[in-house]
PDB file of all heavy atoms in Angstrom:
ATOM      1  N   GLY A   1       4.621 -25.028 -16.936  1.00  0.00           N
ATOM      2  CA  GLY A   1       3.634 -24.196 -17.662  1.00  0.00           C
ATOM      3  C   GLY A   1       2.389 -24.021 -16.871  1.00  0.00           C
ATOM      4  O   GLY A   1       1.793 -22.912 -16.793  1.00  0.00           O
ATOM      5  N   ALA A   2       1.874 -25.116 -16.315  1.00  0.00           N
ATOM      6  CA  ALA A   2       0.641 -25.046 -15.470  1.00  0.00           C
ATOM      7  C   ALA A   2       0.846 -24.202 -14.253  1.00  0.00           C
ATOM      8  O   ALA A   2       0.000 -23.466 -13.810  1.00  0.00           O
ATOM      9  CB  ALA A   2       0.191 -26.446 -15.121  1.00  0.00           C
ATOM     10  N   ALA A   3       2.059 -24.292 -13.685  1.00  0.00           N
ATOM     11  CA  ALA A   3       2.425 -23.437 -12.490  1.00  0.00           C
ATOM     12  C   ALA A   3       2.385 -22.004 -12.812  1.00  0.00           C
ATOM     13  O   ALA A   3       1.886 -21.191 -12.039  1.00  0.00           O
ATOM     14  CB  ALA A   3       3.773 -23.890 -12.002  1.00  0.00           C
ATOM     15  N   ILE A   4       2.848 -21.628 -14.016  1.00  0.00           N
ATOM     16  CA  ILE A   4       2.803 -20.218 -14.461  1.00  0.00           C
ATOM     17  C   ILE A   4       1.349 -19.745 -14.604  1.00  0.00           C
ATOM     18  O   ILE A   4       1.031 -18.648 -14.162  1.00  0.00           O
ATOM     19  CB  ILE A   4       3.548 -20.014 -15.788  1.00  0.00           C
ATOM     20  CG1 ILE A   4       5.032 -20.253 -15.556  1.00  0.00           C
ATOM     21  CG2 ILE A   4       3.313 -18.684 -16.377  1.00  0.00           C
ATOM     22  CD1 ILE A   4       5.854 -20.278 -16.913  1.00  0.00           C
ATOM     23  N   VAL A   5       0.517 -20.559 -15.177  1.00  0.00           N
ATOM     24  CA  VAL A   5      -0.890 -20.227 -15.407  1.00  0.00           C
ATOM     25  C   VAL A   5      -1.568 -20.035 -14.012  1.00  0.00           C
ATOM     26  O   VAL A   5      -2.289 -19.019 -13.765  1.00  0.00           O
ATOM     27  CB  VAL A   5      -1.586 -21.319 -16.226  1.00  0.00           C
ATOM     28  CG1 VAL A   5      -3.094 -21.084 -16.207  1.00  0.00           C
ATOM     29  CG2 VAL A   5      -1.092 -21.270 -17.646  1.00  0.00           C
ATOM     30  N   LEU A   6      -1.379 -21.017 -13.108  1.00  0.00           N
ATOM     31  CA  LEU A   6      -2.070 -20.979 -11.817  1.00  0.00           C
ATOM     32  C   LEU A   6      -1.612 -19.827 -10.988  1.00  0.00           C
ATOM     33  O   LEU A   6      -2.404 -19.041 -10.379  1.00  0.00           O
ATOM     34  CB  LEU A   6      -1.838 -22.271 -11.128  1.00  0.00           C
ATOM     35  CG  LEU A   6      -2.649 -22.447  -9.791  1.00  0.00           C
ATOM     36  CD1 LEU A   6      -4.156 -22.246 -10.007  1.00  0.00           C
ATOM     37  CD2 LEU A   6      -2.408 -23.820  -9.175  1.00  0.00           C
ATOM     38  N   SER A   7      -0.286 -19.598 -10.843  1.00  0.00           N
ATOM     39  CA  SER A   7       0.236 -18.539 -10.041  1.00  0.00           C
ATOM     40  C   SER A   7      -0.141 -17.162 -10.640  1.00  0.00           C
ATOM     41  O   SER A   7      -0.481 -16.250  -9.902  1.00  0.00           O
ATOM     42  CB  SER A   7       1.753 -18.644  -9.911  1.00  0.00           C
ATOM     43  OG  SER A   7       2.371 -18.612 -11.185  1.00  0.00           O
ATOM     44  N   GLY A   8      -0.170 -17.043 -11.961  1.00  0.00           N
ATOM     45  CA  GLY A   8      -0.554 -15.815 -12.577  1.00  0.00           C
ATOM     46  C   GLY A   8      -1.981 -15.520 -12.343  1.00  0.00           C
ATOM     47  O   GLY A   8      -2.368 -14.343 -12.134  1.00  0.00           O
ATOM     48  N   ALA A   9      -2.836 -16.494 -12.349  1.00  0.00           N
ATOM     49  CA  ALA A   9      -4.274 -16.302 -12.092  1.00  0.00           C
ATOM     50  C   ALA A   9      -4.524 -15.861 -10.669  1.00  0.00           C
ATOM     51  O   ALA A   9      -5.268 -14.880 -10.443  1.00  0.00           O
ATOM     52  CB  ALA A   9      -5.079 -17.588 -12.397  1.00  0.00           C
ATOM     53  N   VAL A  10      -3.876 -16.476  -9.691  1.00  0.00           N
ATOM     54  CA  VAL A  10      -3.998 -16.035  -8.300  1.00  0.00           C
ATOM     55  C   VAL A  10      -3.459 -14.689  -8.066  1.00  0.00           C
ATOM     56  O   VAL A  10      -4.083 -13.826  -7.391  1.00  0.00           O
ATOM     57  CB  VAL A  10      -3.332 -17.109  -7.382  1.00  0.00           C
ATOM     58  CG1 VAL A  10      -3.322 -16.635  -5.949  1.00  0.00           C
ATOM     59  CG2 VAL A  10      -3.989 -18.426  -7.524  1.00  0.00           C
ATOM     60  N   ALA A  11      -2.339 -14.394  -8.679  1.00  0.00           N
ATOM     61  CA  ALA A  11      -1.706 -13.095  -8.568  1.00  0.00           C
ATOM     62  C   ALA A  11      -2.651 -11.987  -9.122  1.00  0.00           C
ATOM     63  O   ALA A  11      -2.848 -10.948  -8.527  1.00  0.00           O
ATOM     64  CB  ALA A  11      -0.410 -13.040  -9.215  1.00  0.00           C
ATOM     65  N   SER A  12      -3.207 -12.280 -10.282  1.00  0.00           N
ATOM     66  CA  SER A  12      -4.060 -11.293 -10.962  1.00  0.00           C
ATOM     67  C   SER A  12      -5.286 -10.983 -10.127  1.00  0.00           C
ATOM     68  O   SER A  12      -5.655  -9.841  -9.942  1.00  0.00           O
ATOM     69  CB  SER A  12      -4.495 -11.753 -12.328  1.00  0.00           C
ATOM     70  OG  SER A  12      -3.398 -11.902 -13.190  1.00  0.00           O
ATOM     71  N   MET A  13      -5.879 -12.023  -9.569  1.00  0.00           N
ATOM     72  CA  MET A  13      -7.098 -11.804  -8.695  1.00  0.00           C
ATOM     73  C   MET A  13      -6.696 -10.984  -7.463  1.00  0.00           C
ATOM     74  O   MET A  13      -7.435 -10.027  -7.100  1.00  0.00           O
ATOM     75  CB  MET A  13      -7.627 -13.154  -8.174  1.00  0.00           C
ATOM     76  CG  MET A  13      -8.448 -13.928  -9.212  1.00  0.00           C
ATOM     77  SD  MET A  13      -9.297 -15.291  -8.410  1.00  0.00           S
ATOM     78  CE  MET A  13      -7.974 -16.096  -7.493  1.00  0.00           C
ATOM     79  N   THR A  14      -5.578 -11.368  -6.917  1.00  0.00           N
ATOM     80  CA  THR A  14      -5.163 -10.646  -5.679  1.00  0.00           C
ATOM     81  C   THR A  14      -4.867  -9.180  -5.974  1.00  0.00           C
ATOM     82  O   THR A  14      -5.288  -8.295  -5.180  1.00  0.00           O
ATOM     83  CB  THR A  14      -3.879 -11.295  -5.127  1.00  0.00           C
ATOM     84  OG1 THR A  14      -4.141 -12.687  -4.879  1.00  0.00           O
ATOM     85  CG2 THR A  14      -3.415 -10.684  -3.819  1.00  0.00           C
ATOM     86  N   ILE A  15      -4.213  -8.853  -7.044  1.00  0.00           N
ATOM     87  CA  ILE A  15      -3.854  -7.499  -7.390  1.00  0.00           C
ATOM     88  C   ILE A  15      -5.181  -6.741  -7.620  1.00  0.00           C
ATOM     89  O   ILE A  15      -5.248  -5.623  -7.198  1.00  0.00           O
ATOM     90  CB  ILE A  15      -2.952  -7.481  -8.633  1.00  0.00           C
ATOM     91  CG1 ILE A  15      -1.601  -8.120  -8.268  1.00  0.00           C
ATOM     92  CG2 ILE A  15      -2.795  -6.061  -9.140  1.00  0.00           C
ATOM     93  CD1 ILE A  15      -0.741  -8.445  -9.525  1.00  0.00           C
ATOM     94  N   ALA A  16      -6.134  -7.313  -8.325  1.00  0.00           N
ATOM     95  CA  ALA A  16      -7.351  -6.602  -8.634  1.00  0.00           C
ATOM     96  C   ALA A  16      -8.158  -6.336  -7.383  1.00  0.00           C
ATOM     97  O   ALA A  16      -8.661  -5.204  -7.136  1.00  0.00           O
ATOM     98  CB  ALA A  16      -8.223  -7.424  -9.601  1.00  0.00           C
ATOM     99  N   MET A  17      -8.265  -7.313  -6.473  1.00  0.00           N
ATOM    100  CA  MET A  17      -8.983  -7.058  -5.236  1.00  0.00           C
ATOM    101  C   MET A  17      -8.246  -6.007  -4.338  1.00  0.00           C
ATOM    102  O   MET A  17      -8.947  -5.228  -3.714  1.00  0.00           O
ATOM    103  CB  MET A  17      -9.022  -8.417  -4.408  1.00  0.00           C
ATOM    104  CG  MET A  17      -9.954  -9.414  -4.996  1.00  0.00           C
ATOM    105  SD  MET A  17      -9.987 -10.878  -4.033  1.00  0.00           S
ATOM    106  CE  MET A  17     -10.831 -12.027  -5.072  1.00  0.00           C
ATOM    107  N   THR A  18      -6.917  -6.070  -4.329  1.00  0.00           N
ATOM    108  CA  THR A  18      -6.212  -5.152  -3.515  1.00  0.00           C
ATOM    109  C   THR A  18      -6.285  -3.709  -4.056  1.00  0.00           C
ATOM    110  O   THR A  18      -6.368  -2.736  -3.338  1.00  0.00           O
ATOM    111  CB  THR A  18      -4.696  -5.546  -3.409  1.00  0.00           C
ATOM    112  OG1 THR A  18      -4.682  -6.972  -3.027  1.00  0.00           O
ATOM    113  CG2 THR A  18      -3.968  -4.698  -2.345  1.00  0.00           C
ATOM    114  N   ALA A  19      -6.308  -3.602  -5.410  1.00  0.00           N
ATOM    115  CA  ALA A  19      -6.497  -2.288  -6.012  1.00  0.00           C
ATOM    116  C   ALA A  19      -7.853  -1.657  -5.633  1.00  0.00           C
ATOM    117  O   ALA A  19      -7.939  -0.521  -5.384  1.00  0.00           O
ATOM    118  CB  ALA A  19      -6.430  -2.421  -7.565  1.00  0.00           C
ATOM    119  N   SER A  20      -8.910  -2.555  -5.565  1.00  0.00           N
ATOM    120  CA  SER A  20     -10.198  -2.089  -5.164  1.00  0.00           C
ATOM    121  C   SER A  20     -10.174  -1.604  -3.715  1.00  0.00           C
ATOM    122  O   SER A  20     -10.750  -0.574  -3.345  1.00  0.00           O
ATOM    123  CB  SER A  20     -11.235  -3.232  -5.304  1.00  0.00           C
ATOM    124  OG  SER A  20     -12.490  -2.858  -4.815  1.00  0.00           O
ATOM    125  N   GLU A  21      -9.509  -2.369  -2.891  1.00  0.00           N
ATOM    126  CA  GLU A  21      -9.335  -1.978  -1.449  1.00  0.00           C
ATOM    127  C   GLU A  21      -8.612  -0.606  -1.356  1.00  0.00           C
ATOM    128  O   GLU A  21      -8.993   0.261  -0.605  1.00  0.00           O
ATOM    129  CB  GLU A  21      -8.543  -2.967  -0.692  1.00  0.00           C
ATOM    130  CG  GLU A  21      -9.239  -4.292  -0.339  1.00  0.00           C
ATOM    131  CD  GLU A  21      -8.415  -5.136   0.560  1.00  0.00           C
ATOM    132  OE1 GLU A  21      -8.459  -4.923   1.754  1.00  0.00           O
ATOM    133  OE2 GLU A  21      -7.707  -6.061   0.062  1.00  0.00           O
ATOM    134  N   GLU A  22      -7.609  -0.508  -2.108  1.00  0.00           N
ATOM    135  CA  GLU A  22      -6.812   0.732  -2.119  1.00  0.00           C
ATOM    136  C   GLU A  22      -7.641   1.950  -2.556  1.00  0.00           C
ATOM    137  O   GLU A  22      -7.554   3.103  -1.991  1.00  0.00           O
ATOM    138  CB  GLU A  22      -5.554   0.609  -2.964  1.00  0.00           C
ATOM    139  CG  GLU A  22      -4.578   1.701  -2.862  1.00  0.00           C
ATOM    140  CD  GLU A  22      -3.282   1.417  -3.680  1.00  0.00           C
ATOM    141  OE1 GLU A  22      -2.539   0.565  -3.280  1.00  0.00           O
ATOM    142  OE2 GLU A  22      -3.148   2.102  -4.736  1.00  0.00           O
ATOM    143  N   ASN A  23      -8.453   1.720  -3.573  1.00  0.00           N
ATOM    144  CA  ASN A  23      -9.338   2.848  -4.098  1.00  0.00           C
ATOM    145  C   ASN A  23     -10.339   3.213  -3.014  1.00  0.00           C
ATOM    146  O   ASN A  23     -10.633   4.380  -2.867  1.00  0.00           O
ATOM    147  CB  ASN A  23     -10.024   2.417  -5.342  1.00  0.00           C
ATOM    148  CG  ASN A  23      -9.078   2.287  -6.514  1.00  0.00           C
ATOM    149  OD1 ASN A  23      -8.031   2.870  -6.545  1.00  0.00           O
ATOM    150  ND2 ASN A  23      -9.468   1.496  -7.539  1.00  0.00           N
ATOM    151  N   SER A  24     -10.875   2.228  -2.361  1.00  0.00           N
ATOM    152  CA  SER A  24     -11.817   2.507  -1.250  1.00  0.00           C
ATOM    153  C   SER A  24     -11.224   3.304  -0.153  1.00  0.00           C
ATOM    154  O   SER A  24     -11.764   4.246   0.393  1.00  0.00           O
ATOM    155  CB  SER A  24     -12.440   1.234  -0.695  1.00  0.00           C
ATOM    156  OG  SER A  24     -13.175   0.558  -1.693  1.00  0.00           O
ATOM    157  N   ALA A  25      -9.967   2.911   0.236  1.00  0.00           N
ATOM    158  CA  ALA A  25      -9.259   3.600   1.278  1.00  0.00           C
ATOM    159  C   ALA A  25      -8.910   5.026   0.901  1.00  0.00           C
ATOM    160  O   ALA A  25      -8.944   5.958   1.689  1.00  0.00           O
ATOM    161  CB  ALA A  25      -7.939   2.863   1.597  1.00  0.00           C
ATOM    162  N   ALA A  26      -8.580   5.237  -0.391  1.00  0.00           N
ATOM    163  CA  ALA A  26      -8.276   6.573  -0.932  1.00  0.00           C
ATOM    164  C   ALA A  26      -9.519   7.444  -0.869  1.00  0.00           C
ATOM    165  O   ALA A  26      -9.469   8.658  -0.519  1.00  0.00           O
ATOM    166  CB  ALA A  26      -7.733   6.533  -2.324  1.00  0.00           C
TER     167      ALA A  26
END
């Protein structure tokens, strides 16, 4: 359960940051 929470949090941050990078590149 804790592993799901932690991996989900890291993935969410990473996706959000990468989306921002992608928008800047576009």
